[in-house]
Amino acid sequence: REVLSSVVSSQVDLHARFGGVVPEIA
């Protein structure tokens, strides 16, 4: 019920030039 914290680190910049998620890089 109560979210004390929520941290998300996005990898969008790493995968953008490939046009999609690259599993090994992820």
mmCIF file of all heavy atoms, coordinates in Angstrom:
data_MODEL
# 
_entry.id   MODEL 
# 
loop_
_atom_site.group_PDB 
_atom_site.id 
_atom_site.type_symbol 
_atom_site.label_atom_id 
_atom_site.label_alt_id 
_atom_site.label_comp_id 
_atom_site.label_asym_id 
_atom_site.label_entity_id 
_atom_site.label_seq_id 
_atom_site.pdbx_PDB_ins_code 
_atom_site.Cartn_x 
_atom_site.Cartn_y 
_atom_site.Cartn_z 
_atom_site.occupancy 
_atom_site.B_iso_or_equiv 
_atom_site.pdbx_formal_charge 
_atom_site.auth_seq_id 
_atom_site.auth_comp_id 
_atom_site.auth_asym_id 
_atom_site.auth_atom_id 
_atom_site.pdbx_PDB_model_num 
ATOM 1   N N   . ARG A 1 1  ? 0.806  -1.216  0.000   1.00 0.00 ? 1  ARG A N   1 
ATOM 2   C CA  . ARG A 1 1  ? 0.000  0.000   0.000   1.00 0.00 ? 1  ARG A CA  1 
ATOM 3   C C   . ARG A 1 1  ? 0.845  1.275   0.000   1.00 0.00 ? 1  ARG A C   1 
ATOM 4   O O   . ARG A 1 1  ? 0.546  2.220   -0.706  1.00 0.00 ? 1  ARG A O   1 
ATOM 5   C CB  . ARG A 1 1  ? -0.917 0.040   1.233   1.00 0.00 ? 1  ARG A CB  1 
ATOM 6   C CG  . ARG A 1 1  ? -2.027 -0.991  1.221   1.00 0.00 ? 1  ARG A CG  1 
ATOM 7   C CD  . ARG A 1 1  ? -2.745 -1.025  2.562   1.00 0.00 ? 1  ARG A CD  1 
ATOM 8   N NE  . ARG A 1 1  ? -3.845 -1.990  2.575   1.00 0.00 ? 1  ARG A NE  1 
ATOM 9   C CZ  . ARG A 1 1  ? -5.112 -1.673  2.384   1.00 0.00 ? 1  ARG A CZ  1 
ATOM 10  N NH1 . ARG A 1 1  ? -5.442 -0.420  2.164   1.00 0.00 ? 1  ARG A NH1 1 
ATOM 11  N NH2 . ARG A 1 1  ? -6.058 -2.595  2.404   1.00 0.00 ? 1  ARG A NH2 1 
ATOM 12  N N   . GLU A 1 2  ? 1.878  1.280   0.822   1.00 0.00 ? 2  GLU A N   1 
ATOM 13  C CA  . GLU A 1 2  ? 2.667  2.494   1.023   1.00 0.00 ? 2  GLU A CA  1 
ATOM 14  C C   . GLU A 1 2  ? 4.032  2.365   0.350   1.00 0.00 ? 2  GLU A C   1 
ATOM 15  O O   . GLU A 1 2  ? 4.845  1.523   0.728   1.00 0.00 ? 2  GLU A O   1 
ATOM 16  C CB  . GLU A 1 2  ? 2.847  2.763   2.515   1.00 0.00 ? 2  GLU A CB  1 
ATOM 17  C CG  . GLU A 1 2  ? 3.603  4.046   2.818   1.00 0.00 ? 2  GLU A CG  1 
ATOM 18  C CD  . GLU A 1 2  ? 3.833  4.240   4.304   1.00 0.00 ? 2  GLU A CD  1 
ATOM 19  O OE1 . GLU A 1 2  ? 3.398  3.379   5.106   1.00 0.00 ? 2  GLU A OE1 1 
ATOM 20  O OE2 . GLU A 1 2  ? 4.463  5.257   4.669   1.00 0.00 ? 2  GLU A OE2 1 
ATOM 21  N N   . VAL A 1 3  ? 4.290  3.207   -0.635  1.00 0.00 ? 3  VAL A N   1 
ATOM 22  C CA  . VAL A 1 3  ? 5.571  3.192   -1.341  1.00 0.00 ? 3  VAL A CA  1 
ATOM 23  C C   . VAL A 1 3  ? 6.540  4.124   -0.621  1.00 0.00 ? 3  VAL A C   1 
ATOM 24  O O   . VAL A 1 3  ? 6.395  5.344   -0.663  1.00 0.00 ? 3  VAL A O   1 
ATOM 25  C CB  . VAL A 1 3  ? 5.405  3.641   -2.805  1.00 0.00 ? 3  VAL A CB  1 
ATOM 26  C CG1 . VAL A 1 3  ? 6.753  3.617   -3.528  1.00 0.00 ? 3  VAL A CG1 1 
ATOM 27  C CG2 . VAL A 1 3  ? 4.400  2.746   -3.523  1.00 0.00 ? 3  VAL A CG2 1 
ATOM 28  N N   . LEU A 1 4  ? 7.521  3.539   0.049   1.00 0.00 ? 4  LEU A N   1 
ATOM 29  C CA  . LEU A 1 4  ? 8.521  4.344   0.749   1.00 0.00 ? 4  LEU A CA  1 
ATOM 30  C C   . LEU A 1 4  ? 9.582  4.873   -0.209  1.00 0.00 ? 4  LEU A C   1 
ATOM 31  O O   . LEU A 1 4  ? 10.139 5.941   0.014   1.00 0.00 ? 4  LEU A O   1 
ATOM 32  C CB  . LEU A 1 4  ? 9.190  3.512   1.854   1.00 0.00 ? 4  LEU A CB  1 
ATOM 33  C CG  . LEU A 1 4  ? 8.294  2.989   2.980   1.00 0.00 ? 4  LEU A CG  1 
ATOM 34  C CD1 . LEU A 1 4  ? 9.143  2.276   4.028   1.00 0.00 ? 4  LEU A CD1 1 
ATOM 35  C CD2 . LEU A 1 4  ? 7.501  4.122   3.610   1.00 0.00 ? 4  LEU A CD2 1 
ATOM 36  N N   . SER A 1 5  ? 9.848  4.114   -1.265  1.00 0.00 ? 5  SER A N   1 
ATOM 37  C CA  . SER A 1 5  ? 10.820 4.554   -2.267  1.00 0.00 ? 5  SER A CA  1 
ATOM 38  C C   . SER A 1 5  ? 10.610 3.776   -3.546  1.00 0.00 ? 5  SER A C   1 
ATOM 39  O O   . SER A 1 5  ? 10.115 2.647   -3.534  1.00 0.00 ? 5  SER A O   1 
ATOM 40  C CB  . SER A 1 5  ? 12.257 4.349   -1.773  1.00 0.00 ? 5  SER A CB  1 
ATOM 41  O OG  . SER A 1 5  ? 12.544 2.959   -1.622  1.00 0.00 ? 5  SER A OG  1 
ATOM 42  N N   . SER A 1 6  ? 10.965 4.393   -4.655  1.00 0.00 ? 6  SER A N   1 
ATOM 43  C CA  . SER A 1 6  ? 10.919 3.716   -5.956  1.00 0.00 ? 6  SER A CA  1 
ATOM 44  C C   . SER A 1 6  ? 11.953 4.361   -6.861  1.00 0.00 ? 6  SER A C   1 
ATOM 45  O O   . SER A 1 6  ? 11.806 5.514   -7.261  1.00 0.00 ? 6  SER A O   1 
ATOM 46  C CB  . SER A 1 6  ? 9.521  3.825   -6.577  1.00 0.00 ? 6  SER A CB  1 
ATOM 47  O OG  . SER A 1 6  ? 9.471  3.146   -7.827  1.00 0.00 ? 6  SER A OG  1 
ATOM 48  N N   . VAL A 1 7  ? 13.002 3.615   -7.161  1.00 0.00 ? 7  VAL A N   1 
ATOM 49  C CA  . VAL A 1 7  ? 14.107 4.127   -7.962  1.00 0.00 ? 7  VAL A CA  1 
ATOM 50  C C   . VAL A 1 7  ? 14.195 3.326   -9.260  1.00 0.00 ? 7  VAL A C   1 
ATOM 51  O O   . VAL A 1 7  ? 14.219 2.092   -9.228  1.00 0.00 ? 7  VAL A O   1 
ATOM 52  C CB  . VAL A 1 7  ? 15.445 4.026   -7.206  1.00 0.00 ? 7  VAL A CB  1 
ATOM 53  C CG1 . VAL A 1 7  ? 16.598 4.517   -8.083  1.00 0.00 ? 7  VAL A CG1 1 
ATOM 54  C CG2 . VAL A 1 7  ? 15.381 4.827   -5.904  1.00 0.00 ? 7  VAL A CG2 1 
ATOM 55  N N   . VAL A 1 8  ? 14.200 4.019   -10.385 1.00 0.00 ? 8  VAL A N   1 
ATOM 56  C CA  . VAL A 1 8  ? 14.305 3.368   -11.694 1.00 0.00 ? 8  VAL A CA  1 
ATOM 57  C C   . VAL A 1 8  ? 15.428 4.016   -12.480 1.00 0.00 ? 8  VAL A C   1 
ATOM 58  O O   . VAL A 1 8  ? 15.457 5.234   -12.646 1.00 0.00 ? 8  VAL A O   1 
ATOM 59  C CB  . VAL A 1 8  ? 12.989 3.483   -12.498 1.00 0.00 ? 8  VAL A CB  1 
ATOM 60  C CG1 . VAL A 1 8  ? 13.149 2.789   -13.849 1.00 0.00 ? 8  VAL A CG1 1 
ATOM 61  C CG2 . VAL A 1 8  ? 11.813 2.896   -11.727 1.00 0.00 ? 8  VAL A CG2 1 
ATOM 62  N N   . SER A 1 9  ? 16.354 3.191   -12.966 1.00 0.00 ? 9  SER A N   1 
ATOM 63  C CA  . SER A 1 9  ? 17.432 3.676   -13.820 1.00 0.00 ? 9  SER A CA  1 
ATOM 64  C C   . SER A 1 9  ? 17.171 3.168   -15.231 1.00 0.00 ? 9  SER A C   1 
ATOM 65  O O   . SER A 1 9  ? 17.214 1.960   -15.488 1.00 0.00 ? 9  SER A O   1 
ATOM 66  C CB  . SER A 1 9  ? 18.792 3.179   -13.319 1.00 0.00 ? 9  SER A CB  1 
ATOM 67  O OG  . SER A 1 9  ? 19.830 3.650   -14.156 1.00 0.00 ? 9  SER A OG  1 
ATOM 68  N N   . SER A 1 10 ? 16.867 4.074   -16.149 1.00 0.00 ? 10 SER A N   1 
ATOM 69  C CA  . SER A 1 10 ? 16.529 3.701   -17.512 1.00 0.00 ? 10 SER A CA  1 
ATOM 70  C C   . SER A 1 10 ? 17.775 3.517   -18.372 1.00 0.00 ? 10 SER A C   1 
ATOM 71  O O   . SER A 1 10 ? 18.772 4.221   -18.213 1.00 0.00 ? 10 SER A O   1 
ATOM 72  C CB  . SER A 1 10 ? 15.630 4.771   -18.144 1.00 0.00 ? 10 SER A CB  1 
ATOM 73  O OG  . SER A 1 10 ? 15.421 4.509   -19.512 1.00 0.00 ? 10 SER A OG  1 
ATOM 74  N N   . GLN A 1 11 ? 17.684 2.556   -19.300 1.00 0.00 ? 11 GLN A N   1 
ATOM 75  C CA  . GLN A 1 11 ? 18.778 2.305   -20.239 1.00 0.00 ? 11 GLN A CA  1 
ATOM 76  C C   . GLN A 1 11 ? 18.435 2.796   -21.643 1.00 0.00 ? 11 GLN A C   1 
ATOM 77  O O   . GLN A 1 11 ? 19.090 2.399   -22.613 1.00 0.00 ? 11 GLN A O   1 
ATOM 78  C CB  . GLN A 1 11 ? 19.079 0.801   -20.294 1.00 0.00 ? 11 GLN A CB  1 
ATOM 79  C CG  . GLN A 1 11 ? 19.526 0.169   -19.002 1.00 0.00 ? 11 GLN A CG  1 
ATOM 80  C CD  . GLN A 1 11 ? 19.790 -1.324  -19.173 1.00 0.00 ? 11 GLN A CD  1 
ATOM 81  O OE1 . GLN A 1 11 ? 19.936 -1.823  -20.282 1.00 0.00 ? 11 GLN A OE1 1 
ATOM 82  N NE2 . GLN A 1 11 ? 19.835 -2.042  -18.068 1.00 0.00 ? 11 GLN A NE2 1 
ATOM 83  N N   . VAL A 1 12 ? 17.424 3.626   -21.770 1.00 0.00 ? 12 VAL A N   1 
ATOM 84  C CA  . VAL A 1 12 ? 16.961 4.054   -23.095 1.00 0.00 ? 12 VAL A CA  1 
ATOM 85  C C   . VAL A 1 12 ? 18.101 4.594   -23.946 1.00 0.00 ? 12 VAL A C   1 
ATOM 86  O O   . VAL A 1 12 ? 18.222 4.266   -25.136 1.00 0.00 ? 12 VAL A O   1 
ATOM 87  C CB  . VAL A 1 12 ? 15.849 5.124   -22.966 1.00 0.00 ? 12 VAL A CB  1 
ATOM 88  C CG1 . VAL A 1 12 ? 15.586 5.787   -24.316 1.00 0.00 ? 12 VAL A CG1 1 
ATOM 89  C CG2 . VAL A 1 12 ? 14.567 4.482   -22.459 1.00 0.00 ? 12 VAL A CG2 1 
ATOM 90  N N   . ASP A 1 13 ? 18.949 5.410   -23.367 1.00 0.00 ? 13 ASP A N   1 
ATOM 91  C CA  . ASP A 1 13 ? 20.036 6.019   -24.136 1.00 0.00 ? 13 ASP A CA  1 
ATOM 92  C C   . ASP A 1 13 ? 21.012 4.976   -24.688 1.00 0.00 ? 13 ASP A C   1 
ATOM 93  O O   . ASP A 1 13 ? 21.600 5.164   -25.754 1.00 0.00 ? 13 ASP A O   1 
ATOM 94  C CB  . ASP A 1 13 ? 20.805 7.022   -23.269 1.00 0.00 ? 13 ASP A CB  1 
ATOM 95  C CG  . ASP A 1 13 ? 19.970 8.254   -22.932 1.00 0.00 ? 13 ASP A CG  1 
ATOM 96  O OD1 . ASP A 1 13 ? 18.960 8.468   -23.625 1.00 0.00 ? 13 ASP A OD1 1 
ATOM 97  O OD2 . ASP A 1 13 ? 20.322 8.972   -21.982 1.00 0.00 ? 13 ASP A OD2 1 
ATOM 98  N N   . LEU A 1 14 ? 21.168 3.854   -23.949 1.00 0.00 ? 14 LEU A N   1 
ATOM 99  C CA  . LEU A 1 14 ? 22.080 2.805   -24.395 1.00 0.00 ? 14 LEU A CA  1 
ATOM 100 C C   . LEU A 1 14 ? 21.545 2.062   -25.613 1.00 0.00 ? 14 LEU A C   1 
ATOM 101 O O   . LEU A 1 14 ? 22.317 1.603   -26.462 1.00 0.00 ? 14 LEU A O   1 
ATOM 102 C CB  . LEU A 1 14 ? 22.327 1.798   -23.265 1.00 0.00 ? 14 LEU A CB  1 
ATOM 103 C CG  . LEU A 1 14 ? 23.049 2.300   -22.021 1.00 0.00 ? 14 LEU A CG  1 
ATOM 104 C CD1 . LEU A 1 14 ? 23.132 1.187   -20.982 1.00 0.00 ? 14 LEU A CD1 1 
ATOM 105 C CD2 . LEU A 1 14 ? 24.461 2.776   -22.384 1.00 0.00 ? 14 LEU A CD2 1 
ATOM 106 N N   . HIS A 1 15 ? 20.220 1.944   -25.700 1.00 0.00 ? 15 HIS A N   1 
ATOM 107 C CA  . HIS A 1 15 ? 19.611 1.125   -26.742 1.00 0.00 ? 15 HIS A CA  1 
ATOM 108 C C   . HIS A 1 15 ? 19.031 1.937   -27.906 1.00 0.00 ? 15 HIS A C   1 
ATOM 109 O O   . HIS A 1 15 ? 18.708 1.368   -28.950 1.00 0.00 ? 15 HIS A O   1 
ATOM 110 C CB  . HIS A 1 15 ? 18.500 0.256   -26.146 1.00 0.00 ? 15 HIS A CB  1 
ATOM 111 C CG  . HIS A 1 15 ? 18.968 -0.630  -25.032 1.00 0.00 ? 15 HIS A CG  1 
ATOM 112 N ND1 . HIS A 1 15 ? 19.629 -1.825  -25.255 1.00 0.00 ? 15 HIS A ND1 1 
ATOM 113 C CD2 . HIS A 1 15 ? 18.877 -0.500  -23.684 1.00 0.00 ? 15 HIS A CD2 1 
ATOM 114 C CE1 . HIS A 1 15 ? 19.919 -2.388  -24.096 1.00 0.00 ? 15 HIS A CE1 1 
ATOM 115 N NE2 . HIS A 1 15 ? 19.473 -1.605  -23.123 1.00 0.00 ? 15 HIS A NE2 1 
ATOM 116 N N   . ALA A 1 16 ? 18.889 3.250   -27.731 1.00 0.00 ? 16 ALA A N   1 
ATOM 117 C CA  . ALA A 1 16 ? 18.205 4.084   -28.726 1.00 0.00 ? 16 ALA A CA  1 
ATOM 118 C C   . ALA A 1 16 ? 18.833 3.968   -30.113 1.00 0.00 ? 16 ALA A C   1 
ATOM 119 O O   . ALA A 1 16 ? 18.130 3.874   -31.120 1.00 0.00 ? 16 ALA A O   1 
ATOM 120 C CB  . ALA A 1 16 ? 18.202 5.542   -28.271 1.00 0.00 ? 16 ALA A CB  1 
ATOM 121 N N   . ARG A 1 17 ? 20.142 3.957   -30.196 1.00 0.00 ? 17 ARG A N   1 
ATOM 122 C CA  . ARG A 1 17 ? 20.783 3.939   -31.517 1.00 0.00 ? 17 ARG A CA  1 
ATOM 123 C C   . ARG A 1 17 ? 20.605 2.610   -32.233 1.00 0.00 ? 17 ARG A C   1 
ATOM 124 O O   . ARG A 1 17 ? 20.834 2.503   -33.437 1.00 0.00 ? 17 ARG A O   1 
ATOM 125 C CB  . ARG A 1 17 ? 22.274 4.277   -31.397 1.00 0.00 ? 17 ARG A CB  1 
ATOM 126 C CG  . ARG A 1 17 ? 23.124 3.290   -30.639 1.00 0.00 ? 17 ARG A CG  1 
ATOM 127 C CD  . ARG A 1 17 ? 24.495 3.904   -30.365 1.00 0.00 ? 17 ARG A CD  1 
ATOM 128 N NE  . ARG A 1 17 ? 25.381 3.025   -29.625 1.00 0.00 ? 17 ARG A NE  1 
ATOM 129 C CZ  . ARG A 1 17 ? 26.364 2.326   -30.187 1.00 0.00 ? 17 ARG A CZ  1 
ATOM 130 N NH1 . ARG A 1 17 ? 26.563 2.399   -31.494 1.00 0.00 ? 17 ARG A NH1 1 
ATOM 131 N NH2 . ARG A 1 17 ? 27.154 1.577   -29.446 1.00 0.00 ? 17 ARG A NH2 1 
ATOM 132 N N   . PHE A 1 18 ? 20.184 1.573   -31.490 1.00 0.00 ? 18 PHE A N   1 
ATOM 133 C CA  . PHE A 1 18 ? 19.929 0.276   -32.107 1.00 0.00 ? 18 PHE A CA  1 
ATOM 134 C C   . PHE A 1 18 ? 18.457 0.096   -32.467 1.00 0.00 ? 18 PHE A C   1 
ATOM 135 O O   . PHE A 1 18 ? 18.073 -0.905  -33.068 1.00 0.00 ? 18 PHE A O   1 
ATOM 136 C CB  . PHE A 1 18 ? 20.362 -0.855  -31.172 1.00 0.00 ? 18 PHE A CB  1 
ATOM 137 C CG  . PHE A 1 18 ? 21.816 -0.813  -30.798 1.00 0.00 ? 18 PHE A CG  1 
ATOM 138 C CD1 . PHE A 1 18 ? 22.218 -0.362  -29.551 1.00 0.00 ? 18 PHE A CD1 1 
ATOM 139 C CD2 . PHE A 1 18 ? 22.795 -1.207  -31.706 1.00 0.00 ? 18 PHE A CD2 1 
ATOM 140 C CE1 . PHE A 1 18 ? 23.551 -0.320  -29.200 1.00 0.00 ? 18 PHE A CE1 1 
ATOM 141 C CE2 . PHE A 1 18 ? 24.133 -1.165  -31.367 1.00 0.00 ? 18 PHE A CE2 1 
ATOM 142 C CZ  . PHE A 1 18 ? 24.519 -0.708  -30.111 1.00 0.00 ? 18 PHE A CZ  1 
ATOM 143 N N   . GLY A 1 19 ? 17.606 1.035   -32.053 1.00 0.00 ? 19 GLY A N   1 
ATOM 144 C CA  . GLY A 1 19 ? 16.189 0.962   -32.361 1.00 0.00 ? 19 GLY A CA  1 
ATOM 145 C C   . GLY A 1 19 ? 15.433 -0.048  -31.536 1.00 0.00 ? 19 GLY A C   1 
ATOM 146 O O   . GLY A 1 19 ? 14.288 -0.393  -31.839 1.00 0.00 ? 19 GLY A O   1 
ATOM 147 N N   . GLY A 1 20 ? 16.035 -0.554  -30.468 1.00 0.00 ? 20 GLY A N   1 
ATOM 148 C CA  . GLY A 1 20 ? 15.388 -1.544  -29.608 1.00 0.00 ? 20 GLY A CA  1 
ATOM 149 C C   . GLY A 1 20 ? 16.374 -2.062  -28.585 1.00 0.00 ? 20 GLY A C   1 
ATOM 150 O O   . GLY A 1 20 ? 17.564 -1.707  -28.608 1.00 0.00 ? 20 GLY A O   1 
ATOM 151 N N   . VAL A 1 21 ? 15.894 -2.903  -27.685 1.00 0.00 ? 21 VAL A N   1 
ATOM 152 C CA  . VAL A 1 21 ? 16.737 -3.402  -26.598 1.00 0.00 ? 21 VAL A CA  1 
ATOM 153 C C   . VAL A 1 21 ? 17.696 -4.483  -27.095 1.00 0.00 ? 21 VAL A C   1 
ATOM 154 O O   . VAL A 1 21 ? 17.290 -5.450  -27.745 1.00 0.00 ? 21 VAL A O   1 
ATOM 155 C CB  . VAL A 1 21 ? 15.859 -3.987  -25.465 1.00 0.00 ? 21 VAL A CB  1 
ATOM 156 C CG1 . VAL A 1 21 ? 16.737 -4.567  -24.365 1.00 0.00 ? 21 VAL A CG1 1 
ATOM 157 C CG2 . VAL A 1 21 ? 14.951 -2.907  -24.905 1.00 0.00 ? 21 VAL A CG2 1 
ATOM 158 N N   . VAL A 1 22 ? 18.972 -4.326  -26.786 1.00 0.00 ? 22 VAL A N   1 
ATOM 159 C CA  . VAL A 1 22 ? 19.990 -5.331  -27.088 1.00 0.00 ? 22 VAL A CA  1 
ATOM 160 C C   . VAL A 1 22 ? 20.235 -6.126  -25.802 1.00 0.00 ? 22 VAL A C   1 
ATOM 161 O O   . VAL A 1 22 ? 20.745 -5.579  -24.819 1.00 0.00 ? 22 VAL A O   1 
ATOM 162 C CB  . VAL A 1 22 ? 21.304 -4.674  -27.564 1.00 0.00 ? 22 VAL A CB  1 
ATOM 163 C CG1 . VAL A 1 22 ? 22.340 -5.750  -27.880 1.00 0.00 ? 22 VAL A CG1 1 
ATOM 164 C CG2 . VAL A 1 22 ? 21.050 -3.791  -28.780 1.00 0.00 ? 22 VAL A CG2 1 
ATOM 165 N N   . PRO A 1 23 ? 19.849 -7.403  -25.760 1.00 0.00 ? 23 PRO A N   1 
ATOM 166 C CA  . PRO A 1 23 ? 19.918 -8.184  -24.518 1.00 0.00 ? 23 PRO A CA  1 
ATOM 167 C C   . PRO A 1 23 ? 21.271 -8.168  -23.817 1.00 0.00 ? 23 PRO A C   1 
ATOM 168 O O   . PRO A 1 23 ? 21.336 -8.012  -22.592 1.00 0.00 ? 23 PRO A O   1 
ATOM 169 C CB  . PRO A 1 23 ? 19.545 -9.604  -24.981 1.00 0.00 ? 23 PRO A CB  1 
ATOM 170 C CG  . PRO A 1 23 ? 18.653 -9.369  -26.158 1.00 0.00 ? 23 PRO A CG  1 
ATOM 171 C CD  . PRO A 1 23 ? 19.239 -8.188  -26.866 1.00 0.00 ? 23 PRO A CD  1 
ATOM 172 N N   . GLU A 1 24 ? 22.351 -8.334  -24.555 1.00 0.00 ? 24 GLU A N   1 
ATOM 173 C CA  . GLU A 1 24 ? 23.679 -8.379  -23.940 1.00 0.00 ? 24 GLU A CA  1 
ATOM 174 C C   . GLU A 1 24 ? 24.020 -7.042  -23.270 1.00 0.00 ? 24 GLU A C   1 
ATOM 175 O O   . GLU A 1 24 ? 24.540 -7.006  -22.153 1.00 0.00 ? 24 GLU A O   1 
ATOM 176 C CB  . GLU A 1 24 ? 24.737 -8.712  -24.998 1.00 0.00 ? 24 GLU A CB  1 
ATOM 177 C CG  . GLU A 1 24 ? 26.176 -8.678  -24.498 1.00 0.00 ? 24 GLU A CG  1 
ATOM 178 C CD  . GLU A 1 24 ? 26.485 -9.750  -23.462 1.00 0.00 ? 24 GLU A CD  1 
ATOM 179 O OE1 . GLU A 1 24 ? 25.702 -10.703 -23.331 1.00 0.00 ? 24 GLU A OE1 1 
ATOM 180 O OE2 . GLU A 1 24 ? 27.512 -9.623  -22.780 1.00 0.00 ? 24 GLU A OE2 1 
ATOM 181 N N   . ILE A 1 25 ? 23.709 -5.944  -23.942 1.00 0.00 ? 25 ILE A N   1 
ATOM 182 C CA  . ILE A 1 25 ? 23.963 -4.621  -23.367 1.00 0.00 ? 25 ILE A CA  1 
ATOM 183 C C   . ILE A 1 25 ? 23.108 -4.416  -22.128 1.00 0.00 ? 25 ILE A C   1 
ATOM 184 O O   . ILE A 1 25 ? 23.574 -3.882  -21.113 1.00 0.00 ? 25 ILE A O   1 
ATOM 185 C CB  . ILE A 1 25 ? 23.680 -3.516  -24.407 1.00 0.00 ? 25 ILE A CB  1 
ATOM 186 C CG1 . ILE A 1 25 ? 24.686 -3.609  -25.555 1.00 0.00 ? 25 ILE A CG1 1 
ATOM 187 C CG2 . ILE A 1 25 ? 23.710 -2.130  -23.759 1.00 0.00 ? 25 ILE A CG2 1 
ATOM 188 C CD1 . ILE A 1 25 ? 24.429 -2.614  -26.676 1.00 0.00 ? 25 ILE A CD1 1 
ATOM 189 N N   . ALA A 1 26 ? 21.858 -4.865  -22.185 1.00 0.00 ? 26 ALA A N   1 
ATOM 190 C CA  . ALA A 1 26 ? 20.948 -4.700  -21.050 1.00 0.00 ? 26 ALA A CA  1 
ATOM 191 C C   . ALA A 1 26 ? 21.454 -5.431  -19.816 1.00 0.00 ? 26 ALA A C   1 
ATOM 192 O O   . ALA A 1 26 ? 21.479 -4.874  -18.706 1.00 0.00 ? 26 ALA A O   1 
ATOM 193 C CB  . ALA A 1 26 ? 19.554 -5.197  -21.425 1.00 0.00 ? 26 ALA A CB  1 
# 
